[in-house]
C-alpha atoms as a PDB file:
ATOM      1  CA  MET A   1      80.128 133.498 119.275  1.00  0.00           C
ATOM      2  CA  LYS A   2      78.395 131.104 116.894  1.00  0.00           C
ATOM      3  CA  LYS A   3      78.003 133.880 114.275  1.00  0.00           C
ATOM      4  CA  VAL A   4      81.739 134.683 114.500  1.00  0.00           C
ATOM      5  CA  ALA A   5      82.642 131.013 113.942  1.00  0.00           C
ATOM      6  CA  ILE A   6      80.311 130.778 110.941  1.00  0.00           C
ATOM      7  CA  PHE A   7      81.784 134.000 109.493  1.00  0.00           C
ATOM      8  CA  LEU A   8      85.369 132.732 109.950  1.00  0.00           C
ATOM      9  CA  PHE A   9      84.465 129.389 108.371  1.00  0.00           C
ATOM     10  CA  ALA A  10      82.831 131.143 105.408  1.00  0.00           C
ATOM     11  CA  ALA A  11      85.841 133.447 105.012  1.00  0.00           C
ATOM     12  CA  LEU A  12      88.234 130.492 105.057  1.00  0.00           C
ATOM     13  CA  MET A  13      86.112 128.589 102.558  1.00  0.00           C
ATOM     14  CA  GLY A  14      86.041 131.640 100.283  1.00  0.00           C
ATOM     15  CA  ALA A  15      89.828 131.945 100.470  1.00  0.00           C
ATOM     16  CA  THR A  16      90.366 128.305  99.574  1.00  0.00           C
ATOM     17  CA  ALA A  17      87.893 128.494  96.712  1.00  0.00           C
ATOM     18  CA  GLN A  18      89.913 131.162  94.914  1.00  0.00           C
ATOM     19  CA  ALA A  19      92.505 130.122  92.379  1.00  0.00           C
ATOM     20  CA  ALA A  20      96.129 130.629  93.351  1.00  0.00           C
ATOM     21  CA  GLU A  21      98.193 133.149  91.399  1.00  0.00           C
ATOM     22  CA  TYR A  22     101.515 132.112  89.890  1.00  0.00           C
ATOM     23  CA  LYS A  23     104.294 134.224  88.429  1.00  0.00           C
ATOM     24  CA  ILE A  24     105.866 132.682  85.330  1.00  0.00           C
ATOM     25  CA  ASP A  25     109.423 131.605  86.189  1.00  0.00           C
ATOM     26  CA  THR A  26     111.434 133.209  83.415  1.00  0.00           C
ATOM     27  CA  LYS A  27     114.383 134.066  85.698  1.00  0.00           C
ATOM     28  CA  GLY A  28     115.105 130.420  86.413  1.00  0.00           C
ATOM     29  CA  ALA A  29     114.802 129.485  82.734  1.00  0.00           C
ATOM     30  CA  HIS A  30     111.809 127.268  83.477  1.00  0.00           C
ATOM     31  CA  ALA A  31     109.505 128.788  80.883  1.00  0.00           C
ATOM     32  CA  PHE A  32     109.873 128.941  77.126  1.00  0.00           C
ATOM     33  CA  ILE A  33     108.048 130.480  74.181  1.00  0.00           C
ATOM     34  CA  GLN A  34     109.275 128.727  71.082  1.00  0.00           C
ATOM     35  CA  PHE A  35     108.145 128.548  67.487  1.00  0.00           C
ATOM     36  CA  ARG A  36     108.751 126.509  64.395  1.00  0.00           C
ATOM     37  CA  ILE A  37     107.962 127.053  60.757  1.00  0.00           C
ATOM     38  CA  LYS A  38     108.727 124.931  57.724  1.00  0.00           C
ATOM     39  CA  HIS A  39     111.761 125.961  55.718  1.00  0.00           C
ATOM     40  CA  LEU A  40     110.922 125.494  52.026  1.00  0.00           C
ATOM     41  CA  GLY A  41     108.898 122.426  53.008  1.00  0.00           C
ATOM     42  CA  TYR A  42     112.139 120.466  53.555  1.00  0.00           C
ATOM     43  CA  SER A  43     112.831 120.965  57.252  1.00  0.00           C
ATOM     44  CA  TRP A  44     111.794 122.931  60.337  1.00  0.00           C
ATOM     45  CA  LEU A  45     113.249 126.239  61.438  1.00  0.00           C
ATOM     46  CA  TYR A  46     113.052 126.682  65.226  1.00  0.00           C
ATOM     47  CA  GLY A  47     113.322 129.826  67.305  1.00  0.00           C
ATOM     48  CA  ARG A  48     112.305 131.352  70.597  1.00  0.00           C
ATOM     49  CA  PHE A  49     111.578 134.579  72.440  1.00  0.00           C
ATOM     50  CA  ASP A  50     114.040 135.065  75.280  1.00  0.00           C
ATOM     51  CA  ASP A  51     112.327 137.908  77.177  1.00  0.00           C
ATOM     52  CA  PHE A  52     108.741 137.620  78.382  1.00  0.00           C
ATOM     53  CA  SER A  53     106.786 137.856  81.602  1.00  0.00           C
ATOM     54  CA  GLY A  54     103.374 137.018  82.927  1.00  0.00           C
ATOM     55  CA  SER A  55     101.242 135.325  85.501  1.00  0.00           C
ATOM     56  CA  PHE A  56      98.428 132.814  85.679  1.00  0.00           C
ATOM     57  CA  GLN A  57      95.610 131.790  88.007  1.00  0.00           C
ATOM     58  CA  TYR A  58      95.091 128.089  88.612  1.00  0.00           C
ATOM     59  CA  ASP A  59      93.073 125.921  90.993  1.00  0.00           C
ATOM     60  CA  GLU A  60      93.414 122.163  90.451  1.00  0.00           C
ATOM     61  CA  SER A  61      89.881 121.600  91.723  1.00  0.00           C
ATOM     62  CA  LYS A  62      88.425 124.216  89.341  1.00  0.00           C
ATOM     63  CA  PRO A  63      90.581 124.257  86.196  1.00  0.00           C
ATOM     64  CA  ALA A  64      87.807 125.925  84.157  1.00  0.00           C
ATOM     65  CA  GLU A  65      88.455 129.116  86.144  1.00  0.00           C
ATOM     66  CA  SER A  66      92.118 129.280  85.050  1.00  0.00           C
ATOM     67  CA  SER A  67      93.514 132.350  83.307  1.00  0.00           C
ATOM     68  CA  ILE A  68      96.841 133.669  82.034  1.00  0.00           C
ATOM     69  CA  ASN A  69      98.369 136.934  80.820  1.00  0.00           C
ATOM     70  CA  VAL A  70     101.709 137.085  79.027  1.00  0.00           C
ATOM     71  CA  GLU A  71     103.740 139.950  77.555  1.00  0.00           C
ATOM     72  CA  ILE A  72     106.558 139.215  75.102  1.00  0.00           C
ATOM     73  CA  ASP A  73     109.449 141.459  74.096  1.00  0.00           C
ATOM     74  CA  VAL A  74     109.433 140.538  70.405  1.00  0.00           C
ATOM     75  CA  ALA A  75     112.905 142.030  69.844  1.00  0.00           C
ATOM     76  CA  SER A  76     114.193 139.114  71.944  1.00  0.00           C
ATOM     77  CA  ILE A  77     113.573 136.704  69.057  1.00  0.00           C
ATOM     78  CA  ASP A  78     116.391 134.193  68.594  1.00  0.00           C
ATOM     79  CA  SER A  79     116.448 131.779  65.654  1.00  0.00           C
ATOM     80  CA  ASN A  80     120.136 130.953  66.129  1.00  0.00           C
ATOM     81  CA  HIS A  81     121.155 133.102  63.133  1.00  0.00           C
ATOM     82  CA  ALA A  82     121.977 136.804  63.654  1.00  0.00           C
ATOM     83  CA  GLU A  83     121.184 137.994  60.100  1.00  0.00           C
ATOM     84  CA  ARG A  84     117.873 136.142  60.023  1.00  0.00           C
ATOM     85  CA  ASP A  85     116.977 137.555  63.452  1.00  0.00           C
ATOM     86  CA  LYS A  86     117.688 141.063  62.163  1.00  0.00           C
ATOM     87  CA  HIS A  87     115.295 140.422  59.255  1.00  0.00           C
ATOM     88  CA  LEU A  88     112.655 138.929  61.574  1.00  0.00           C
ATOM     89  CA  ARG A  89     112.798 142.081  63.735  1.00  0.00           C
ATOM     90  CA  GLY A  90     112.261 144.291  60.678  1.00  0.00           C
ATOM     91  CA  GLU A  91     109.137 145.526  58.895  1.00  0.00           C
ATOM     92  CA  ASP A  92     108.708 142.332  56.835  1.00  0.00           C
ATOM     93  CA  PHE A  93     107.956 140.331  59.974  1.00  0.00           C
ATOM     94  CA  LEU A  94     107.672 141.572  63.577  1.00  0.00           C
ATOM     95  CA  HIS A  95     108.368 145.288  62.970  1.00  0.00           C
ATOM     96  CA  VAL A  96     109.699 145.633  66.528  1.00  0.00           C
ATOM     97  CA  GLU A  97     110.293 149.390  66.297  1.00  0.00           C
ATOM     98  CA  LYS A  98     106.568 150.001  65.848  1.00  0.00           C
ATOM     99  CA  TYR A  99     105.255 146.976  67.793  1.00  0.00           C
ATOM    100  CA  PRO A 100     107.780 146.163  70.568  1.00  0.00           C
ATOM    101  CA  THR A 101     105.506 143.785  72.485  1.00  0.00           C
ATOM    102  CA  ALA A 102     103.106 140.966  71.833  1.00  0.00           C
ATOM    103  CA  THR A 103     100.530 139.878  74.395  1.00  0.00           C
ATOM    104  CA  PHE A 104      98.315 136.917  75.113  1.00  0.00           C
ATOM    105  CA  LYS A 105      95.298 137.248  77.414  1.00  0.00           C
ATOM    106  CA  SER A 106      93.138 134.220  78.025  1.00  0.00           C
ATOM    107  CA  THR A 107      89.372 134.464  77.817  1.00  0.00           C
ATOM    108  CA  SER A 108      88.400 130.916  78.882  1.00  0.00           C
ATOM    109  CA  TYR A 109      89.695 127.449  79.623  1.00  0.00           C
ATOM    110  CA  GLU A 110      87.837 124.255  78.766  1.00  0.00           C
ATOM    111  CA  PRO A 111      89.087 121.138  80.604  1.00  0.00           C
ATOM    112  CA  MET A 112      89.081 118.021  78.426  1.00  0.00           C
ATOM    113  CA  GLY A 113      90.094 115.495  81.115  1.00  0.00           C
ATOM    114  CA  ASN A 114      93.401 113.881  82.085  1.00  0.00           C
ATOM    115  CA  GLY A 115      95.014 117.279  82.689  1.00  0.00           C
ATOM    116  CA  LYS A 116      94.374 118.431  79.122  1.00  0.00           C
ATOM    117  CA  GLY A 117      92.291 121.303  77.883  1.00  0.00           C
ATOM    118  CA  LYS A 118      91.683 124.144  75.444  1.00  0.00           C
ATOM    119  CA  LEU A 119      92.839 127.615  76.440  1.00  0.00           C
ATOM    120  CA  SER A 120      91.148 130.343  74.421  1.00  0.00           C
ATOM    121  CA  GLY A 121      92.417 133.880  74.341  1.00  0.00           C
ATOM    122  CA  GLU A 122      93.463 136.898  72.355  1.00  0.00           C
ATOM    123  CA  LEU A 123      96.918 137.157  70.850  1.00  0.00           C
ATOM    124  CA  THR A 124      98.099 140.640  69.898  1.00  0.00           C
ATOM    125  CA  LEU A 125     101.020 140.677  67.466  1.00  0.00           C
ATOM    126  CA  ARG A 126     102.081 143.564  65.202  1.00  0.00           C
ATOM    127  CA  GLY A 127      99.161 145.585  66.549  1.00  0.00           C
ATOM    128  CA  VAL A 128      96.621 142.976  65.383  1.00  0.00           C
ATOM    129  CA  THR A 129      94.497 141.096  67.921  1.00  0.00           C
ATOM    130  CA  LYS A 130      93.057 137.709  66.972  1.00  0.00           C
ATOM    131  CA  PRO A 131      91.523 134.826  68.902  1.00  0.00           C
ATOM    132  CA  VAL A 132      93.679 131.726  69.275  1.00  0.00           C
ATOM    133  CA  VAL A 133      93.161 128.380  70.983  1.00  0.00           C
ATOM    134  CA  ILE A 134      96.054 126.657  72.727  1.00  0.00           C
ATOM    135  CA  ASP A 135      95.993 122.907  73.367  1.00  0.00           C
ATOM    136  CA  VAL A 136      97.217 122.682  76.969  1.00  0.00           C
ATOM    137  CA  GLU A 137      98.446 119.839  79.145  1.00  0.00           C
ATOM    138  CA  HIS A 138      99.098 120.143  82.888  1.00  0.00           C
ATOM    139  CA  VAL A 139     102.568 118.691  83.436  1.00  0.00           C
ATOM    140  CA  GLY A 140     102.465 118.755  87.221  1.00  0.00           C
ATOM    141  CA  GLY A 141     102.619 120.769  90.396  1.00  0.00           C
ATOM    142  CA  GLY A 142     103.883 120.690  93.956  1.00  0.00           C
ATOM    143  CA  LYS A 143     106.418 121.969  96.459  1.00  0.00           C
ATOM    144  CA  ASP A 144     109.875 122.913  95.254  1.00  0.00           C
ATOM    145  CA  PRO A 145     113.168 122.491  97.195  1.00  0.00           C
ATOM    146  CA  TRP A 146     113.216 126.207  98.146  1.00  0.00           C
ATOM    147  CA  GLY A 147     109.920 126.284 100.028  1.00  0.00           C
ATOM    148  CA  GLY A 148     107.774 127.470  97.132  1.00  0.00           C
ATOM    149  CA  TYR A 149     104.945 125.837  95.222  1.00  0.00           C
ATOM    150  CA  ARG A 150     104.952 125.433  91.437  1.00  0.00           C
ATOM    151  CA  GLN A 151     102.666 124.419  88.586  1.00  0.00           C
ATOM    152  CA  GLY A 152     103.777 123.558  85.060  1.00  0.00           C
ATOM    153  CA  PHE A 153     101.989 123.381  81.706  1.00  0.00           C
ATOM    154  CA  THR A 154     102.848 122.763  78.093  1.00  0.00           C
ATOM    155  CA  GLY A 155     100.838 123.899  75.094  1.00  0.00           C
ATOM    156  CA  THR A 156     100.779 124.264  71.332  1.00  0.00           C
ATOM    157  CA  THR A 157      98.942 126.377  68.829  1.00  0.00           C
ATOM    158  CA  GLU A 158      99.378 127.529  65.255  1.00  0.00           C
ATOM    159  CA  PHE A 159      98.261 130.472  63.194  1.00  0.00           C
ATOM    160  CA  ALA A 160      98.636 131.916  59.726  1.00  0.00           C
ATOM    161  CA  LEU A 161     101.275 134.633  59.417  1.00  0.00           C
ATOM    162  CA  LYS A 162      98.962 136.745  57.250  1.00  0.00           C
ATOM    163  CA  ASP A 163      96.387 136.852  60.087  1.00  0.00           C
ATOM    164  CA  PHE A 164      98.797 139.170  61.907  1.00  0.00           C
ATOM    165  CA  GLY A 165      99.805 141.254  58.907  1.00  0.00           C
ATOM    166  CA  ILE A 166     102.948 139.298  58.027  1.00  0.00           C
ATOM    167  CA  MET A 167     102.691 139.142  54.253  1.00  0.00           C
ATOM    168  CA  TYR A 168     106.300 138.227  53.415  1.00  0.00           C
ATOM    169  CA  ASP A 169     106.239 135.267  51.011  1.00  0.00           C
ATOM    170  CA  LEU A 170     108.121 132.327  52.492  1.00  0.00           C
ATOM    171  CA  GLY A 171     106.625 129.856  50.016  1.00  0.00           C
ATOM    172  CA  PRO A 172     103.504 127.671  50.135  1.00  0.00           C
ATOM    173  CA  ALA A 173     104.828 125.329  52.845  1.00  0.00           C
ATOM    174  CA  SER A 174     105.557 128.207  55.237  1.00  0.00           C
ATOM    175  CA  GLN A 175     102.252 130.011  55.658  1.00  0.00           C
ATOM    176  CA  THR A 176     101.614 128.990  59.256  1.00  0.00           C
ATOM    177  CA  VAL A 177     103.783 129.084  62.345  1.00  0.00           C
ATOM    178  CA  GLU A 178     103.516 126.663  65.258  1.00  0.00           C
ATOM    179  CA  MET A 179     104.033 127.913  68.800  1.00  0.00           C
ATOM    180  CA  ILE A 180     105.333 125.614  71.530  1.00  0.00           C
ATOM    181  CA  LEU A 181     104.754 126.993  75.024  1.00  0.00           C
ATOM    182  CA  ASP A 182     106.206 125.614  78.248  1.00  0.00           C
ATOM    183  CA  VAL A 183     105.265 127.519  81.383  1.00  0.00           C
ATOM    184  CA  GLU A 184     106.291 126.896  84.965  1.00  0.00           C
ATOM    185  CA  GLY A 185     104.931 129.235  87.580  1.00  0.00           C
ATOM    186  CA  ILE A 186     105.808 129.956  91.198  1.00  0.00           C
ATOM    187  CA  ARG A 187     102.840 130.604  93.508  1.00  0.00           C
ATOM    188  CA  ILE A 188     102.845 134.144  94.881  1.00  0.00           C
END
Protein backbone atom coordinates (compact mmCIF):
# COMPACT_ATOMS: atom_id res chain seq x y z
CA MET A 1 0.00 0.00 0.00
CA LYS A 2 2.87 2.33 0.84
CA LYS A 3 4.46 1.75 -2.60
CA VAL A 4 1.15 2.61 -4.32
CA ALA A 5 0.89 5.88 -2.36
CA ILE A 6 4.48 6.81 -3.23
CA PHE A 7 3.84 6.01 -6.91
CA LEU A 8 0.65 8.13 -6.96
CA PHE A 9 2.44 11.01 -5.24
CA ALA A 10 5.31 10.82 -7.74
CA ALA A 11 2.87 10.69 -10.66
CA LEU A 12 0.99 13.73 -9.35
CA MET A 13 4.23 15.63 -8.79
CA GLY A 14 5.34 14.78 -12.33
CA ALA A 15 2.04 16.04 -13.74
CA THR A 16 2.27 19.33 -11.88
CA ALA A 17 5.88 19.83 -12.91
CA GLN A 18 5.00 19.85 -16.61
CA ALA A 19 4.24 23.13 -18.31
CA ALA A 20 0.64 23.72 -19.32
CA GLU A 21 -0.19 23.95 -23.02
CA TYR A 22 -2.12 26.93 -24.35
CA LYS A 23 -3.79 27.46 -27.70
CA ILE A 24 -3.36 31.00 -29.04
CA ASP A 25 -6.75 32.73 -28.97
CA THR A 26 -7.04 34.06 -32.50
CA LYS A 27 -10.80 33.37 -32.73
CA GLY A 28 -11.59 35.80 -29.94
CA ALA A 29 -9.30 38.47 -31.43
CA HIS A 30 -7.06 38.34 -28.36
CA ALA A 31 -3.81 37.82 -30.24
CA PHE A 32 -2.11 40.04 -32.78
CA ILE A 33 0.93 39.91 -35.05
CA GLN A 34 1.66 43.45 -36.11
CA PHE A 35 4.55 45.19 -37.80
CA ARG A 36 5.82 48.66 -38.45
CA ILE A 37 8.41 50.06 -40.79
CA LYS A 38 9.51 53.62 -41.40
CA HIS A 39 7.98 55.33 -44.40
CA LEU A 40 10.70 57.45 -46.04
CA GLY A 41 12.04 58.18 -42.56
CA TYR A 42 9.13 60.59 -41.94
CA SER A 43 6.54 58.39 -40.27
CA TRP A 44 5.64 54.79 -39.43
CA LEU A 45 3.64 52.44 -41.61
CA TYR A 46 1.74 49.85 -39.54
CA GLY A 47 0.22 46.56 -40.60
CA ARG A 48 -0.78 43.16 -39.32
CA PHE A 49 -1.34 39.53 -40.24
CA ASP A 50 -4.96 38.57 -39.70
CA ASP A 51 -4.70 34.76 -39.97
CA PHE A 52 -2.31 32.77 -37.80
CA SER A 53 -2.41 29.92 -35.32
CA GLY A 54 -0.21 28.32 -32.74
CA SER A 55 0.30 27.12 -29.23
CA PHE A 56 2.71 27.60 -26.36
CA GLN A 57 3.88 25.79 -23.24
CA TYR A 58 4.20 27.81 -20.06
CA ASP A 59 4.74 27.11 -16.36
CA GLU A 60 4.95 30.19 -14.13
CA SER A 61 7.27 28.37 -11.74
CA LYS A 62 9.63 27.32 -14.56
CA PRO A 63 9.51 30.01 -17.25
CA ALA A 64 12.84 28.87 -18.74
CA GLU A 65 11.05 25.76 -20.02
CA SER A 66 8.55 27.80 -22.06
CA SER A 67 8.14 27.25 -25.79
CA ILE A 68 5.95 28.45 -28.66
CA ASN A 69 5.14 27.51 -32.25
CA VAL A 70 3.29 29.84 -34.60
CA GLU A 71 2.21 29.53 -38.24
CA ILE A 72 1.20 32.65 -40.19
CA ASP A 73 -0.82 32.86 -43.40
CA VAL A 74 1.23 35.64 -45.00
CA ALA A 75 -1.47 36.37 -47.60
CA SER A 76 -3.52 37.73 -44.68
CA ILE A 77 -1.31 40.83 -44.51
CA ASP A 78 -3.30 44.04 -43.98
CA SER A 79 -1.63 47.45 -44.08
CA ASN A 80 -4.94 49.29 -44.47
CA HIS A 81 -4.31 49.95 -48.18
CA ALA A 82 -5.48 47.40 -50.78
CA GLU A 83 -2.97 48.30 -53.53
CA ARG A 84 -0.04 48.26 -51.12
CA ASP A 85 -1.21 44.91 -49.72
CA LYS A 86 -1.31 43.50 -53.25
CA HIS A 87 2.30 44.64 -53.75
CA LEU A 88 3.36 43.24 -50.36
CA ARG A 89 1.90 39.84 -51.33
CA GLY A 90 3.87 39.84 -54.59
CA GLU A 91 7.39 38.71 -55.49
CA ASP A 92 9.04 41.96 -54.33
CA PHE A 93 8.09 41.22 -50.72
CA LEU A 94 6.33 38.15 -49.30
CA HIS A 95 5.86 36.19 -52.56
CA VAL A 96 2.81 34.44 -51.09
CA GLU A 97 2.22 32.19 -54.11
CA LYS A 98 5.56 30.47 -53.54
CA TYR A 99 5.79 30.91 -49.74
CA PRO A 100 2.22 30.92 -48.33
CA THR A 101 3.24 30.53 -44.69
CA ALA A 102 5.76 31.88 -42.25
CA THR A 103 6.61 30.08 -39.02
CA PHE A 104 8.25 30.81 -35.71
CA LYS A 105 9.54 27.98 -33.50
CA SER A 106 11.19 28.85 -30.23
CA THR A 107 14.46 27.23 -29.24
CA SER A 108 14.90 28.69 -25.72
CA TYR A 109 13.61 31.22 -23.25
CA GLU A 110 15.81 33.18 -20.86
CA PRO A 111 13.95 34.82 -17.94
CA MET A 112 15.30 38.26 -17.05
CA GLY A 113 13.14 38.89 -13.96
CA ASN A 114 9.92 40.83 -13.35
CA GLY A 115 8.05 38.78 -15.95
CA LYS A 116 10.44 39.77 -18.74
CA GLY A 117 12.70 37.62 -20.83
CA LYS A 118 14.37 36.79 -24.13
CA LEU A 119 12.67 34.26 -26.39
CA SER A 120 15.02 32.82 -28.99
CA GLY A 121 13.80 30.92 -31.99
CA GLU A 122 13.82 30.40 -35.72
CA LEU A 123 11.71 32.53 -38.01
CA THR A 124 11.03 31.14 -41.48
CA LEU A 125 9.88 33.74 -44.00
CA ARG A 126 10.05 33.48 -47.81
CA GLY A 127 11.66 30.06 -47.42
CA VAL A 128 14.57 31.51 -45.40
CA THR A 129 15.10 30.46 -41.78
CA LYS A 130 17.01 32.78 -39.45
CA PRO A 131 17.42 33.04 -35.69
CA VAL A 132 15.58 35.89 -33.99
CA VAL A 133 15.29 37.03 -30.39
CA ILE A 134 12.01 38.43 -29.09
CA ASP A 135 11.93 40.66 -26.00
CA VAL A 136 8.97 39.23 -24.06
CA GLU A 137 6.93 40.47 -21.13
CA HIS A 138 4.35 38.36 -19.28
CA VAL A 139 1.22 40.51 -19.10
CA GLY A 140 -0.73 38.23 -16.80
CA GLY A 141 -2.68 35.04 -16.34
CA GLY A 142 -5.66 33.55 -14.54
CA LYS A 143 -9.21 32.27 -14.79
CA ASP A 144 -11.52 33.75 -17.39
CA PRO A 145 -15.31 34.29 -17.03
CA TRP A 146 -16.07 31.16 -19.11
CA GLY A 147 -14.31 28.64 -16.88
CA GLY A 148 -11.02 28.59 -18.76
CA TYR A 149 -7.52 29.66 -17.80
CA ARG A 150 -5.47 32.14 -19.83
CA GLN A 151 -1.95 33.55 -20.06
CA GLY A 152 -0.94 36.66 -21.99
CA PHE A 153 2.37 37.99 -23.30
CA THR A 154 3.63 40.87 -25.37
CA GLY A 155 6.87 40.98 -27.32
CA THR A 156 8.92 42.88 -29.86
CA THR A 157 11.69 42.09 -32.27
CA GLU A 158 13.18 43.54 -35.42
CA PHE A 159 15.07 42.21 -38.40
CA ALA A 160 16.54 43.37 -41.68
CA LEU A 161 14.33 42.75 -44.71
CA LYS A 162 17.32 41.56 -46.74
CA ASP A 163 17.96 38.77 -44.20
CA PHE A 164 14.82 37.09 -45.56
CA GLY A 165 15.47 37.80 -49.23
CA ILE A 166 13.41 40.99 -49.46
CA MET A 167 15.67 43.18 -51.57
CA TYR A 168 13.13 45.81 -52.67
CA ASP A 169 14.64 49.25 -52.01
CA LEU A 170 12.42 51.23 -49.66
CA GLY A 171 15.15 53.77 -48.90
CA PRO A 172 17.83 53.93 -46.20
CA ALA A 173 15.39 54.55 -43.32
CA SER A 174 13.33 51.45 -44.16
CA GLN A 175 15.79 48.57 -44.05
CA THR A 176 14.45 46.93 -40.90
CA VAL A 177 10.96 45.98 -39.83
CA GLU A 178 9.75 45.87 -36.23
CA MET A 179 7.34 43.16 -35.13
CA ILE A 180 4.91 43.72 -32.27
CA LEU A 181 3.44 40.49 -30.91
CA ASP A 182 0.56 40.19 -28.46
CA VAL A 183 -0.44 36.65 -27.57
CA GLU A 184 -3.19 35.43 -25.29
CA GLY A 185 -3.59 31.71 -24.89
CA ILE A 186 -6.31 29.47 -23.49
CA ARG A 187 -5.09 26.44 -21.52
CA ILE A 188 -6.03 23.17 -23.20
